[in-house]
N, C-alpha and C. Protein backbone atom coordinates (compact mmCIF):
# COMPACT_ATOMS: atom_id res chain seq x y z
N MET A 1 -30.13 9.69 -7.96
CA MET A 1 -30.14 8.53 -7.06
C MET A 1 -31.08 7.45 -7.59
N THR A 2 -30.58 6.28 -7.73
CA THR A 2 -31.43 5.19 -8.23
C THR A 2 -32.10 4.48 -7.06
N ARG A 3 -33.37 4.18 -7.23
CA ARG A 3 -34.10 3.51 -6.15
C ARG A 3 -34.17 2.02 -6.41
N THR A 4 -33.87 1.24 -5.40
CA THR A 4 -33.92 -0.22 -5.58
C THR A 4 -35.36 -0.71 -5.50
N VAL A 5 -36.16 -0.03 -4.68
CA VAL A 5 -37.55 -0.45 -4.52
C VAL A 5 -38.47 0.56 -5.19
N ALA A 6 -39.36 0.08 -6.02
CA ALA A 6 -40.31 0.99 -6.68
C ALA A 6 -41.46 1.29 -5.73
N VAL A 7 -41.68 2.59 -5.47
CA VAL A 7 -42.74 2.98 -4.54
C VAL A 7 -43.72 3.90 -5.26
N PRO A 8 -44.99 3.63 -5.12
CA PRO A 8 -46.00 4.51 -5.73
C PRO A 8 -45.95 5.91 -5.14
N ARG A 9 -46.47 6.88 -5.86
CA ARG A 9 -46.40 8.27 -5.37
C ARG A 9 -47.33 8.46 -4.18
N ASN A 10 -48.41 7.70 -4.12
CA ASN A 10 -49.36 7.89 -3.02
C ASN A 10 -48.96 7.08 -1.80
N ALA A 11 -47.75 6.54 -1.81
CA ALA A 11 -47.29 5.75 -0.66
C ALA A 11 -47.08 6.67 0.54
N PRO A 12 -47.41 6.17 1.72
CA PRO A 12 -47.23 6.96 2.95
C PRO A 12 -45.77 7.29 3.21
N ALA A 13 -45.55 8.23 4.11
CA ALA A 13 -44.19 8.72 4.35
C ALA A 13 -43.30 7.62 4.92
N HIS A 14 -43.86 6.79 5.81
CA HIS A 14 -43.02 5.77 6.44
C HIS A 14 -42.54 4.76 5.41
N VAL A 15 -43.34 4.51 4.39
CA VAL A 15 -42.91 3.58 3.34
C VAL A 15 -41.75 4.18 2.56
N LEU A 16 -41.88 5.47 2.23
CA LEU A 16 -40.80 6.14 1.49
C LEU A 16 -39.54 6.16 2.34
N ALA A 17 -39.70 6.45 3.61
CA ALA A 17 -38.53 6.49 4.49
C ALA A 17 -37.87 5.12 4.56
N LEU A 18 -38.70 4.08 4.64
CA LEU A 18 -38.15 2.72 4.69
C LEU A 18 -37.38 2.42 3.42
N ALA A 19 -37.96 2.76 2.28
CA ALA A 19 -37.30 2.49 1.00
C ALA A 19 -35.97 3.26 0.93
N ARG A 20 -36.01 4.50 1.43
CA ARG A 20 -34.79 5.30 1.38
C ARG A 20 -33.71 4.71 2.28
N VAL A 21 -34.11 4.36 3.48
CA VAL A 21 -33.15 3.78 4.41
C VAL A 21 -32.59 2.48 3.85
N ARG A 22 -33.45 1.70 3.21
CA ARG A 22 -33.00 0.41 2.63
C ARG A 22 -31.98 0.66 1.52
N SER A 23 -32.31 1.57 0.62
CA SER A 23 -31.38 1.84 -0.49
C SER A 23 -30.07 2.41 0.04
N LEU A 24 -30.18 3.25 1.08
CA LEU A 24 -28.96 3.82 1.64
C LEU A 24 -28.16 2.76 2.38
N ALA A 25 -28.88 1.84 3.04
CA ALA A 25 -28.19 0.79 3.78
C ALA A 25 -27.47 -0.15 2.81
N ALA A 26 -28.01 -0.28 1.61
CA ALA A 26 -27.40 -1.16 0.61
C ALA A 26 -25.98 -0.67 0.30
N ARG A 27 -25.81 0.65 0.19
CA ARG A 27 -24.47 1.18 -0.08
C ARG A 27 -23.98 1.90 1.17
N PRO A 28 -22.87 1.49 1.72
CA PRO A 28 -22.35 2.10 2.95
C PRO A 28 -21.92 3.55 2.72
N VAL A 29 -22.64 4.46 3.33
CA VAL A 29 -22.30 5.88 3.18
C VAL A 29 -21.61 6.39 4.43
N GLY A 30 -21.77 5.67 5.54
CA GLY A 30 -21.17 6.12 6.78
C GLY A 30 -22.23 6.66 7.73
N PRO A 31 -21.82 7.44 8.71
CA PRO A 31 -22.75 7.99 9.71
C PRO A 31 -23.68 9.03 9.10
N PHE A 32 -23.39 9.46 7.88
CA PHE A 32 -24.20 10.51 7.26
C PHE A 32 -25.63 10.04 7.02
N ARG A 33 -25.80 8.74 6.78
CA ARG A 33 -27.14 8.25 6.45
C ARG A 33 -27.98 8.08 7.70
N VAL A 34 -27.36 7.90 8.86
CA VAL A 34 -28.13 7.64 10.07
C VAL A 34 -28.74 8.92 10.65
N VAL A 35 -27.94 9.97 10.75
CA VAL A 35 -28.43 11.18 11.41
C VAL A 35 -29.53 11.89 10.62
N PRO A 36 -29.30 12.26 9.35
CA PRO A 36 -30.33 13.00 8.63
C PRO A 36 -31.59 12.17 8.40
N ALA A 37 -31.43 10.87 8.23
CA ALA A 37 -32.59 10.03 7.95
C ALA A 37 -33.56 10.07 9.12
N ARG A 38 -33.03 10.07 10.35
CA ARG A 38 -33.93 10.07 11.51
C ARG A 38 -34.49 11.47 11.77
N ARG A 39 -33.73 12.50 11.41
CA ARG A 39 -34.20 13.86 11.69
C ARG A 39 -35.25 14.28 10.67
N ARG A 40 -35.27 13.65 9.50
CA ARG A 40 -36.21 14.08 8.46
C ARG A 40 -37.45 13.21 8.48
N THR A 41 -37.98 12.91 9.64
CA THR A 41 -39.19 12.08 9.67
C THR A 41 -40.43 12.93 9.48
N GLN A 42 -40.48 14.09 10.13
CA GLN A 42 -41.67 14.93 10.02
C GLN A 42 -41.73 15.66 8.68
N PRO A 43 -40.69 16.40 8.29
CA PRO A 43 -40.77 17.16 7.03
C PRO A 43 -40.90 16.25 5.82
N PHE A 44 -40.63 14.95 6.00
CA PHE A 44 -40.66 14.04 4.87
C PHE A 44 -42.03 14.05 4.21
N SER A 45 -43.09 13.88 5.02
CA SER A 45 -44.44 13.81 4.45
C SER A 45 -44.80 15.13 3.77
N ILE A 46 -44.45 16.23 4.40
CA ILE A 46 -44.79 17.54 3.83
C ILE A 46 -43.98 17.77 2.56
N HIS A 47 -42.73 17.33 2.59
CA HIS A 47 -41.85 17.58 1.44
C HIS A 47 -42.27 16.75 0.23
N HIS A 48 -42.81 15.58 0.47
CA HIS A 48 -43.16 14.70 -0.65
C HIS A 48 -44.55 14.98 -1.16
N GLN A 49 -45.31 15.78 -0.42
CA GLN A 49 -46.64 16.13 -0.92
C GLN A 49 -46.50 17.22 -1.93
């Protein structure tokens, strides 16, 4: 997956989530991007650490 926005590794989880949502919003994937993106708010920080 190519990222449109360059994010540092020490960036907080909400920044990463924003970048991911933005890149996903750029390409229409359908309802698949809305549901998992909102459900993965908590594990995101743990997963990226």
